[in-house]
PDB file of N, CA and C in Angstrom:
ATOM      1  N   UNK A   1     146.989 130.929  39.397  1.00  0.00           N
ATOM      2  CA  UNK A   1     147.043 129.941  38.227  1.00  0.00           C
ATOM      3  C   UNK A   1     147.235 130.918  37.109  1.00  0.00           C
ATOM      4  N   UNK A   2     146.159 132.098  36.796  1.00  0.00           N
ATOM      5  CA  UNK A   2     146.454 132.789  35.795  1.00  0.00           C
ATOM      6  C   UNK A   2     147.454 133.427  35.660  1.00  0.00           C
ATOM      7  N   UNK A   3     148.465 133.825  36.696  1.00  0.00           N
ATOM      8  CA  UNK A   3     149.635 134.503  36.507  1.00  0.00           C
ATOM      9  C   UNK A   3     150.685 133.577  36.001  1.00  0.00           C
ATOM     10  N   UNK A   4     150.436 132.254  36.644  1.00  0.00           N
ATOM     11  CA  UNK A   4     151.622 131.277  35.917  1.00  0.00           C
ATOM     12  C   UNK A   4     151.126 131.240  34.345  1.00  0.00           C
ATOM     13  N   UNK A   5     149.779 131.027  33.850  1.00  0.00           N
ATOM     14  CA  UNK A   5     149.588 130.969  32.679  1.00  0.00           C
ATOM     15  C   UNK A   5     150.115 131.878  31.693  1.00  0.00           C
ATOM     16  N   UNK A   6     149.934 133.337  32.222  1.00  0.00           N
ATOM     17  CA  UNK A   6     150.203 134.397  31.833  1.00  0.00           C
ATOM     18  C   UNK A   6     151.769 134.555  31.566  1.00  0.00           C
ATOM     19  N   UNK A   7     152.856 134.077  32.637  1.00  0.00           N
ATOM     20  CA  UNK A   7     154.366 134.214  32.633  1.00  0.00           C
ATOM     21  C   UNK A   7     154.601 132.687  31.760  1.00  0.00           C
ATOM     22  N   UNK A   8     154.049 131.870  31.565  1.00  0.00           N
ATOM     23  CA  UNK A   8     154.363 131.129  30.529  1.00  0.00           C
ATOM     24  C   UNK A   8     153.978 131.292  29.002  1.00  0.00           C
ATOM     25  N   UNK A   9     153.022 132.200  28.901  1.00  0.00           N
ATOM     26  CA  UNK A   9     152.691 132.733  27.623  1.00  0.00           C
ATOM     27  C   UNK A   9     153.778 133.564  27.292  1.00  0.00           C
ATOM     28  N   UNK A  10     154.141 134.268  28.023  1.00  0.00           N
ATOM     29  CA  UNK A  10     155.131 135.520  27.943  1.00  0.00           C
ATOM     30  C   UNK A  10     156.333 135.074  27.649  1.00  0.00           C
ATOM     31  N   UNK A  11     156.878 134.124  28.241  1.00  0.00           N
ATOM     32  CA  UNK A  11     158.338 133.397  28.168  1.00  0.00           C
ATOM     33  C   UNK A  11     158.222 132.637  26.553  1.00  0.00           C
ATOM     34  N   UNK A  12     156.811 131.962  26.239  1.00  0.00           N
ATOM     35  CA  UNK A  12     156.911 131.330  24.980  1.00  0.00           C
ATOM     36  C   UNK A  12     156.881 132.661  23.828  1.00  0.00           C
ATOM     37  N   UNK A  13     156.405 133.540  24.147  1.00  0.00           N
ATOM     38  CA  UNK A  13     156.230 134.537  23.307  1.00  0.00           C
ATOM     39  C   UNK A  13     157.710 135.358  22.783  1.00  0.00           C
ATOM     40  N   UNK A  14     158.486 135.575  24.274  1.00  0.00           N
ATOM     41  CA  UNK A  14     159.750 136.091  24.234  1.00  0.00           C
ATOM     42  C   UNK A  14     160.755 135.080  23.533  1.00  0.00           C
ATOM     43  N   UNK A  15     160.446 133.942  23.466  1.00  0.00           N
ATOM     44  CA  UNK A  15     161.325 132.787  22.922  1.00  0.00           C
ATOM     45  C   UNK A  15     161.140 132.750  21.320  1.00  0.00           C
ATOM     46  N   UNK A  16     160.033 132.857  21.131  1.00  0.00           N
ATOM     47  CA  UNK A  16     159.449 133.054  19.552  1.00  0.00           C
ATOM     48  C   UNK A  16     160.164 134.189  19.008  1.00  0.00           C
ATOM     49  N   UNK A  17     160.052 135.316  19.820  1.00  0.00           N
ATOM     50  CA  UNK A  17     160.619 136.587  19.030  1.00  0.00           C
ATOM     51  C   UNK A  17     162.094 136.427  19.041  1.00  0.00           C
ATOM     52  N   UNK A  18     162.983 135.675  20.003  1.00  0.00           N
ATOM     53  CA  UNK A  18     164.386 135.485  19.941  1.00  0.00           C
ATOM     54  C   UNK A  18     164.668 134.701  18.801  1.00  0.00           C
ATOM     55  N   UNK A  19     163.939 133.560  18.639  1.00  0.00           N
ATOM     56  CA  UNK A  19     164.154 132.589  17.453  1.00  0.00           C
ATOM     57  C   UNK A  19     164.018 133.270  16.204  1.00  0.00           C
ATOM     58  N   UNK A  20     162.903 134.100  16.149  1.00  0.00           N
ATOM     59  CA  UNK A  20     162.803 134.978  15.197  1.00  0.00           C
ATOM     60  C   UNK A  20     163.629 135.865  14.586  1.00  0.00           C
ATOM     61  N   UNK A  21     164.495 136.479  15.747  1.00  0.00           N
ATOM     62  CA  UNK A  21     165.333 137.559  15.626  1.00  0.00           C
ATOM     63  C   UNK A  21     166.788 136.673  15.337  1.00  0.00           C
ATOM     64  N   UNK A  22     167.076 135.701  15.799  1.00  0.00           N
ATOM     65  CA  UNK A  22     168.010 134.906  15.387  1.00  0.00           C
ATOM     66  C   UNK A  22     167.946 134.335  13.973  1.00  0.00           C
ATOM     67  N   UNK A  23     166.980 133.783  13.565  1.00  0.00           N
ATOM     68  CA  UNK A  23     166.818 133.524  12.116  1.00  0.00           C
ATOM     69  C   UNK A  23     167.166 134.423  11.190  1.00  0.00           C
ATOM     70  N   UNK A  24     166.656 135.920  11.542  1.00  0.00           N
ATOM     71  CA  UNK A  24     166.857 136.919  10.457  1.00  0.00           C
ATOM     72  C   UNK A  24     168.392 137.622  10.656  1.00  0.00           C
ATOM     73  N   UNK A  25     169.279 137.088  11.549  1.00  0.00           N
ATOM     74  CA  UNK A  25     170.172 137.833  11.452  1.00  0.00           C
ATOM     75  C   UNK A  25     171.421 137.148  10.972  1.00  0.00           C
ATOM     76  N   UNK A  26     172.346 137.497  10.708  1.00  0.00           N
ATOM     77  CA  UNK A  26     173.801 137.068   9.848  1.00  0.00           C
ATOM     78  C   UNK A  26     174.502 136.304  11.164  1.00  0.00           C
ATOM     79  N   UNK A  27     175.466 135.414  10.766  1.00  0.00           N
ATOM     80  CA  UNK A  27     176.428 134.985  11.596  1.00  0.00           C
ATOM     81  C   UNK A  27     177.252 135.871  12.431  1.00  0.00           C
ATOM     82  N   UNK A  28     177.739 137.025  11.521  1.00  0.00           N
ATOM     83  CA  UNK A  28     178.328 137.873  12.199  1.00  0.00           C
ATOM     84  C   UNK A  28     177.479 138.909  13.189  1.00  0.00           C
ATOM     85  N   UNK A  29     176.345 139.111  12.700  1.00  0.00           N
ATOM     86  CA  UNK A  29     175.574 139.649  13.914  1.00  0.00           C
ATOM     87  C   UNK A  29     175.328 138.819  15.092  1.00  0.00           C
ATOM     88  N   UNK A  30     175.096 137.653  15.125  1.00  0.00           N
ATOM     89  CA  UNK A  30     175.047 136.690  16.182  1.00  0.00           C
ATOM     90  C   UNK A  30     176.238 136.655  17.022  1.00  0.00           C
ATOM     91  N   UNK A  31     177.250 136.600  16.495  1.00  0.00           N
ATOM     92  CA  UNK A  31     178.336 136.578  17.111  1.00  0.00           C
ATOM     93  C   UNK A  31     178.754 137.842  18.032  1.00  0.00           C
ATOM     94  N   UNK A  32     178.554 138.823  17.340  1.00  0.00           N
ATOM     95  CA  UNK A  32     178.475 140.303  17.856  1.00  0.00           C
ATOM     96  C   UNK A  32     177.666 140.270  19.185  1.00  0.00           C
ATOM     97  N   UNK A  33     176.338 139.772  19.221  1.00  0.00           N
ATOM     98  CA  UNK A  33     175.467 139.556  20.121  1.00  0.00           C
ATOM     99  C   UNK A  33     175.958 138.886  21.323  1.00  0.00           C
ATOM    100  N   UNK A  34     176.365 137.810  20.808  1.00  0.00           N
ATOM    101  CA  UNK A  34     177.199 136.885  21.864  1.00  0.00           C
ATOM    102  C   UNK A  34     178.470 137.301  22.756  1.00  0.00           C
ATOM    103  N   UNK A  35     179.156 138.002  21.803  1.00  0.00           N
ATOM    104  CA  UNK A  35     180.125 138.786  22.319  1.00  0.00           C
ATOM    105  C   UNK A  35     180.034 140.112  23.409  1.00  0.00           C
ATOM    106  N   UNK A  36     179.011 140.541  23.325  1.00  0.00           N
ATOM    107  CA  UNK A  36     178.259 141.683  24.181  1.00  0.00           C
ATOM    108  C   UNK A  36     177.619 141.138  25.273  1.00  0.00           C
ATOM    109  N   UNK A  37     176.917 139.622  25.261  1.00  0.00           N
ATOM    110  CA  UNK A  37     176.483 139.342  26.182  1.00  0.00           C
ATOM    111  C   UNK A  37     177.521 138.618  27.156  1.00  0.00           C
ATOM    112  N   UNK A  38     178.487 138.105  26.711  1.00  0.00           N
ATOM    113  CA  UNK A  38     179.606 137.900  27.534  1.00  0.00           C
ATOM    114  C   UNK A  38     180.295 138.707  28.163  1.00  0.00           C
ATOM    115  N   UNK A  39     180.512 140.030  27.447  1.00  0.00           N
ATOM    116  CA  UNK A  39     181.151 140.948  28.148  1.00  0.00           C
ATOM    117  C   UNK A  39     180.355 141.770  29.102  1.00  0.00           C
ATOM    118  N   UNK A  40     179.142 141.600  29.060  1.00  0.00           N
ATOM    119  CA  UNK A  40     178.431 142.037  30.294  1.00  0.00           C
ATOM    120  C   UNK A  40     178.522 140.833  31.456  1.00  0.00           C
ATOM    121  N   UNK A  41     178.478 139.339  31.010  1.00  0.00           N
ATOM    122  CA  UNK A  41     178.489 138.497  32.283  1.00  0.00           C
ATOM    123  C   UNK A  41     179.862 138.829  32.848  1.00  0.00           C
ATOM    124  N   UNK A  42     181.146 139.165  31.863  1.00  0.00           N
ATOM    125  CA  UNK A  42     182.153 139.165  32.730  1.00  0.00           C
ATOM    126  C   UNK A  42     182.557 140.481  33.742  1.00  0.00           C
ATOM    127  N   UNK A  43     181.627 141.416  33.045  1.00  0.00           N
ATOM    128  CA  UNK A  43     181.519 142.722  33.917  1.00  0.00           C
ATOM    129  C   UNK A  43     180.716 142.452  35.258  1.00  0.00           C
ATOM    130  N   UNK A  44     179.753 141.492  35.264  1.00  0.00           N
ATOM    131  CA  UNK A  44     179.150 141.396  36.648  1.00  0.00           C
ATOM    132  C   UNK A  44     179.880 140.302  37.483  1.00  0.00           C
ATOM    133  N   UNK A  45     180.274 139.285  37.041  1.00  0.00           N
ATOM    134  CA  UNK A  45     180.661 137.941  37.625  1.00  0.00           C
ATOM    135  C   UNK A  45     182.279 137.893  37.640  1.00  0.00           C
ATOM    136  N   UNK A  46     183.000 138.830  36.948  1.00  0.00           N
ATOM    137  CA  UNK A  46     184.389 138.648  36.858  1.00  0.00           C
ATOM    138  C   UNK A  46     185.228 138.798  38.296  1.00  0.00           C
ATOM    139  N   UNK A  47     184.744 140.208  38.789  1.00  0.00           N
ATOM    140  CA  UNK A  47     185.158 140.329  39.961  1.00  0.00           C
ATOM    141  C   UNK A  47     185.293 139.386  41.311  1.00  0.00           C
ATOM    142  N   UNK A  48     183.861 138.727  41.040  1.00  0.00           N
ATOM    143  CA  UNK A  48     183.466 137.606  42.223  1.00  0.00           C
ATOM    144  C   UNK A  48     184.514 136.483  41.852  1.00  0.00           C
ATOM    145  N   UNK A  49     184.952 136.277  40.470  1.00  0.00           N
ATOM    146  CA  UNK A  49     185.460 134.740  40.530  1.00  0.00           C
ATOM    147  C   UNK A  49     186.902 135.187  40.534  1.00  0.00           C
ATOM    148  N   UNK A  50     187.379 136.805  40.455  1.00  0.00           N
ATOM    149  CA  UNK A  50     188.745 136.876  40.851  1.00  0.00           C
ATOM    150  C   UNK A  50     188.961 136.588  42.286  1.00  0.00           C
ATOM    151  N   UNK A  51     188.034 137.277  43.085  1.00  0.00           N
ATOM    152  CA  UNK A  51     188.025 137.365  44.527  1.00  0.00           C
ATOM    153  C   UNK A  51     188.020 135.596  45.115  1.00  0.00           C
ATOM    154  N   UNK A  52     187.601 134.931  44.428  1.00  0.00           N
ATOM    155  CA  UNK A  52     187.598 133.529  44.581  1.00  0.00           C
ATOM    156  C   UNK A  52     188.974 132.874  44.430  1.00  0.00           C
ATOM    157  N   UNK A  53     189.771 133.498  43.889  1.00  0.00           N
ATOM    158  CA  UNK A  53     191.065 133.031  43.445  1.00  0.00           C
ATOM    159  C   UNK A  53     191.527 132.565  42.269  1.00  0.00           C
ATOM    160  N   UNK A  54     190.505 132.630  41.407  1.00  0.00           N
ATOM    161  CA  UNK A  54     190.823 132.405  39.786  1.00  0.00           C
ATOM    162  C   UNK A  54     191.727 133.566  39.015  1.00  0.00           C
ATOM    163  N   UNK A  55     192.830 133.167  38.247  1.00  0.00           N
ATOM    164  CA  UNK A  55     193.263 134.067  37.669  1.00  0.00           C
ATOM    165  C   UNK A  55     192.548 134.605  36.526  1.00  0.00           C
ATOM    166  N   UNK A  56     192.648 136.078  36.406  1.00  0.00           N
ATOM    167  CA  UNK A  56     191.467 136.721  35.523  1.00  0.00           C
ATOM    168  C   UNK A  56     192.169 136.234  34.092  1.00  0.00           C
ATOM    169  N   UNK A  57     191.009 136.182  33.199  1.00  0.00           N
ATOM    170  CA  UNK A  57     190.982 135.712  31.734  1.00  0.00           C
ATOM    171  C   UNK A  57     191.734 134.345  31.639  1.00  0.00           C
ATOM    172  N   UNK A  58     191.779 133.639  32.593  1.00  0.00           N
ATOM    173  CA  UNK A  58     192.267 132.308  32.265  1.00  0.00           C
ATOM    174  C   UNK A  58     190.909 131.489  32.211  1.00  0.00           C
ATOM    175  N   UNK A  59     191.113 130.067  31.667  1.00  0.00           N
ATOM    176  CA  UNK A  59     189.820 129.133  31.447  1.00  0.00           C
ATOM    177  C   UNK A  59     189.061 128.972  32.366  1.00  0.00           C
ATOM    178  N   UNK A  60     189.616 128.699  33.842  1.00  0.00           N
ATOM    179  CA  UNK A  60     188.993 128.238  34.902  1.00  0.00           C
ATOM    180  C   UNK A  60     188.090 129.671  35.519  1.00  0.00           C
ATOM    181  N   UNK A  61     188.752 130.834  35.087  1.00  0.00           N
ATOM    182  CA  UNK A  61     188.002 132.028  35.651  1.00  0.00           C
ATOM    183  C   UNK A  61     186.691 132.235  34.555  1.00  0.00           C
ATOM    184  N   UNK A  62     187.043 131.800  33.326  1.00  0.00           N
ATOM    185  CA  UNK A  62     185.886 132.134  32.425  1.00  0.00           C
ATOM    186  C   UNK A  62     184.794 130.900  32.699  1.00  0.00           C
ATOM    187  N   UNK A  63     185.269 129.756  33.209  1.00  0.00           N
ATOM    188  CA  UNK A  63     184.308 128.725  33.503  1.00  0.00           C
ATOM    189  C   UNK A  63     183.501 129.117  35.184  1.00  0.00           C
ATOM    190  N   UNK A  64     183.913 129.928  35.745  1.00  0.00           N
ATOM    191  CA  UNK A  64     183.582 130.464  37.082  1.00  0.00           C
ATOM    192  C   UNK A  64     182.538 131.487  36.866  1.00  0.00           C
ATOM    193  N   UNK A  65     182.716 132.447  35.758  1.00  0.00           N
ATOM    194  CA  UNK A  65     181.769 133.540  35.332  1.00  0.00           C
ATOM    195  C   UNK A  65     180.664 132.686  34.558  1.00  0.00           C
ATOM    196  N   UNK A  66     180.797 131.838  33.758  1.00  0.00           N
ATOM    197  CA  UNK A  66     179.557 130.968  33.252  1.00  0.00           C
ATOM    198  C   UNK A  66     178.839 130.284  34.360  1.00  0.00           C
ATOM    199  N   UNK A  67     179.562 129.602  35.418  1.00  0.00           N
ATOM    200  CA  UNK A  67     179.076 128.922  36.497  1.00  0.00           C
ATOM    201  C   UNK A  67     178.052 130.052  37.184  1.00  0.00           C
ATOM    202  N   UNK A  68     178.428 130.910  37.572  1.00  0.00           N
ATOM    203  CA  UNK A  68     177.788 132.166  38.570  1.00  0.00           C
ATOM    204  C   UNK A  68     176.594 132.328  38.041  1.00  0.00           C
ATOM    205  N   UNK A  69     176.902 132.876  36.427  1.00  0.00           N
ATOM    206  CA  UNK A  69     175.914 133.511  35.653  1.00  0.00           C
ATOM    207  C   UNK A  69     174.585 132.449  35.619  1.00  0.00           C
ATOM    208  N   UNK A  70     175.008 130.972  35.231  1.00  0.00           N
ATOM    209  CA  UNK A  70     174.048 130.043  35.261  1.00  0.00           C
ATOM    210  C   UNK A  70     173.362 129.694  36.494  1.00  0.00           C
ATOM    211  N   UNK A  71     173.913 129.810  37.620  1.00  0.00           N
ATOM    212  CA  UNK A  71     173.268 129.709  38.992  1.00  0.00           C
ATOM    213  C   UNK A  71     172.506 130.733  39.317  1.00  0.00           C
ATOM    214  N   UNK A  72     172.728 131.872  38.978  1.00  0.00           N
ATOM    215  CA  UNK A  72     171.875 133.165  39.112  1.00  0.00           C
ATOM    216  C   UNK A  72     170.457 132.850  38.404  1.00  0.00           C
ATOM    217  N   UNK A  73     170.755 132.643  37.067  1.00  0.00           N
ATOM    218  CA  UNK A  73     169.493 132.190  36.158  1.00  0.00           C
ATOM    219  C   UNK A  73     168.711 131.307  36.712  1.00  0.00           C
ATOM    220  N   UNK A  74     169.132 130.164  37.295  1.00  0.00           N
ATOM    221  CA  UNK A  74     168.296 129.074  37.816  1.00  0.00           C
ATOM    222  C   UNK A  74     167.567 129.582  39.034  1.00  0.00           C
ATOM    223  N   UNK A  75     168.224 130.421  39.826  1.00  0.00           N
ATOM    224  CA  UNK A  75     167.773 130.679  41.203  1.00  0.00           C
ATOM    225  C   UNK A  75     166.700 131.499  40.712  1.00  0.00           C
ATOM    226  N   UNK A  76     166.719 132.497  39.823  1.00  0.00           N
ATOM    227  CA  UNK A  76     165.688 133.730  39.350  1.00  0.00           C
ATOM    228  C   UNK A  76     164.422 132.605  38.786  1.00  0.00           C
ATOM    229  N   UNK A  77     164.792 131.537  37.797  1.00  0.00           N
ATOM    230  CA  UNK A  77     163.546 130.926  37.312  1.00  0.00           C
ATOM    231  C   UNK A  77     162.895 130.097  38.542  1.00  0.00           C
ATOM    232  N   UNK A  78     163.736 129.592  39.483  1.00  0.00           N
ATOM    233  CA  UNK A  78     162.951 129.198  40.661  1.00  0.00           C
ATOM    234  C   UNK A  78     162.586 127.343  40.283  1.00  0.00           C
ATOM    235  N   UNK A  79     162.188 126.783  41.179  1.00  0.00           N
ATOM    236  CA  UNK A  79     161.758 125.351  41.174  1.00  0.00           C
ATOM    237  C   UNK A  79     160.756 125.083  40.538  1.00  0.00           C
ATOM    238  N   UNK A  80     159.888 126.137  39.907  1.00  0.00           N
ATOM    239  CA  UNK A  80     158.537 126.169  39.211  1.00  0.00           C
ATOM    240  C   UNK A  80     158.867 126.240  37.760  1.00  0.00           C
ATOM    241  N   UNK A  81     159.746 125.471  37.031  1.00  0.00           N
ATOM    242  CA  UNK A  81     160.200 126.026  35.695  1.00  0.00           C
ATOM    243  C   UNK A  81     159.317 125.103  34.547  1.00  0.00           C
ATOM    244  N   UNK A  82     158.574 124.055  35.280  1.00  0.00           N
ATOM    245  CA  UNK A  82     157.619 123.355  34.066  1.00  0.00           C
ATOM    246  C   UNK A  82     156.353 124.155  33.923  1.00  0.00           C
ATOM    247  N   UNK A  83     155.777 123.364  32.883  1.00  0.00           N
ATOM    248  CA  UNK A  83     154.362 123.857  32.368  1.00  0.00           C
ATOM    249  C   UNK A  83     153.638 123.587  33.858  1.00  0.00           C
ATOM    250  N   UNK A  84     153.698 122.416  34.381  1.00  0.00           N
ATOM    251  CA  UNK A  84     152.480 121.895  35.528  1.00  0.00           C
ATOM    252  C   UNK A  84     153.400 122.218  36.728  1.00  0.00           C
ATOM    253  N   UNK A  85     154.595 123.180  36.919  1.00  0.00           N
ATOM    254  CA  UNK A  85     154.980 123.238  38.198  1.00  0.00           C
ATOM    255  C   UNK A  85     156.223 122.229  38.634  1.00  0.00           C
ATOM    256  N   UNK A  86     157.021 122.626  39.685  1.00  0.00           N
ATOM    257  CA  UNK A  86     157.872 121.617  40.077  1.00  0.00           C
ATOM    258  C   UNK A  86     157.302 120.561  40.897  1.00  0.00           C
ATOM    259  N   UNK A  87     158.200 119.602  41.016  1.00  0.00           N
ATOM    260  CA  UNK A  87     157.987 118.554  42.096  1.00  0.00           C
ATOM    261  C   UNK A  87     158.580 118.575  43.102  1.00  0.00           C
ATOM    262  N   UNK A  88     158.310 117.916  44.158  1.00  0.00           N
ATOM    263  CA  UNK A  88     159.313 117.648  45.367  1.00  0.00           C
ATOM    264  C   UNK A  88     158.579 118.094  46.488  1.00  0.00           C
ATOM    265  N   UNK A  89     159.518 118.073  47.529  1.00  0.00           N
ATOM    266  CA  UNK A  89     158.820 118.034  48.972  1.00  0.00           C
ATOM    267  C   UNK A  89     158.384 119.575  49.295  1.00  0.00           C
ATOM    268  N   UNK A  90     159.054 120.707  48.673  1.00  0.00           N
ATOM    269  CA  UNK A  90     158.588 121.922  48.860  1.00  0.00           C
ATOM    270  C   UNK A  90     156.941 122.109  48.390  1.00  0.00           C
ATOM    271  N   UNK A  91     156.529 121.465  47.362  1.00  0.00           N
ATOM    272  CA  UNK A  91     155.535 121.556  46.764  1.00  0.00           C
ATOM    273  C   UNK A  91     154.124 120.823  47.344  1.00  0.00           C
ATOM    274  N   UNK A  92     154.795 119.748  47.910  1.00  0.00           N
ATOM    275  CA  UNK A  92     153.776 118.741  48.553  1.00  0.00           C
ATOM    276  C   UNK A  92     153.549 118.914  50.061  1.00  0.00           C
ATOM    277  N   UNK A  93     154.648 119.281  50.438  1.00  0.00           N
ATOM    278  CA  UNK A  93     154.711 119.115  52.143  1.00  0.00           C
ATOM    279  C   UNK A  93     153.952 120.162  52.528  1.00  0.00           C
ATOM    280  N   UNK A  94     153.150 119.859  53.663  1.00  0.00           N
ATOM    281  CA  UNK A  94     151.970 120.689  54.537  1.00  0.00           C
ATOM    282  C   UNK A  94     151.160 121.213  53.803  1.00  0.00           C
ATOM    283  N   UNK A  95     150.509 120.482  52.870  1.00  0.00           N
ATOM    284  CA  UNK A  95     149.312 120.882  52.155  1.00  0.00           C
ATOM    285  C   UNK A  95     149.418 120.492  50.841  1.00  0.00           C
ATOM    286  N   UNK A  96     149.902 121.718  50.155  1.00  0.00           N
ATOM    287  CA  UNK A  96     150.128 121.956  48.732  1.00  0.00           C
ATOM    288  C   UNK A  96     148.986 121.898  48.163  1.00  0.00           C
ATOM    289  N   UNK A  97     148.959 121.464  46.900  1.00  0.00           N
ATOM    290  CA  UNK A  97     147.705 121.560  46.039  1.00  0.00           C
ATOM    291  C   UNK A  97     146.665 120.907  46.766  1.00  0.00           C
ATOM    292  N   UNK A  98     146.711 119.916  47.304  1.00  0.00           N
ATOM    293  CA  UNK A  98     145.877 118.899  47.705  1.00  0.00           C
ATOM    294  C   UNK A  98     145.343 119.218  49.250  1.00  0.00           C
ATOM    295  N   UNK A  99     145.559 120.321  50.055  1.00  0.00           N
ATOM    296  CA  UNK A  99     145.313 120.485  51.275  1.00  0.00           C
ATOM    297  C   UNK A  99     145.841 119.689  52.227  1.00  0.00           C
ATOM    298  N   UNK A 100     145.466 119.661  53.417  1.00  0.00           N
ATOM    299  CA  UNK A 100     146.075 119.120  54.358  1.00  0.00           C
ATOM    300  C   UNK A 100     145.588 117.717  54.662  1.00  0.00           C
ATOM    301  N   UNK A 101     144.923 117.126  53.642  1.00  0.00           N
ATOM    302  CA  UNK A 101     144.414 115.888  53.492  1.00  0.00           C
ATOM    303  C   UNK A 101     145.135 114.830  52.724  1.00  0.00           C
ATOM    304  N   UNK A 102     146.105 115.168  51.897  1.00  0.00           N
ATOM    305  CA  UNK A 102     146.749 114.252  51.269  1.00  0.00           C
ATOM    306  C   UNK A 102     147.804 113.533  52.115  1.00  0.00           C
TER     307      UNK A 102
END
């Protein structure tokens, strides 16, 4: 319970810092930061999208890069991304919070 609260507080603090940094930066700095992030995503996911058959530097290839990065980010976050945790059979099946009596 406490680790989930700490994790949530930490993510709120990081989001606040990112918002503060974004508010204090110029549009050129934000564009440069986004360009650097996209360059990193291309270096990581570009070869996989090329192996999947997309022509490098084409629009479908770029969409593939974004799709793979988003997919990995969602997997990293897991299904418990809400404040109160996730809903669904994984949470409640076989006991869950309420024990075997539910």
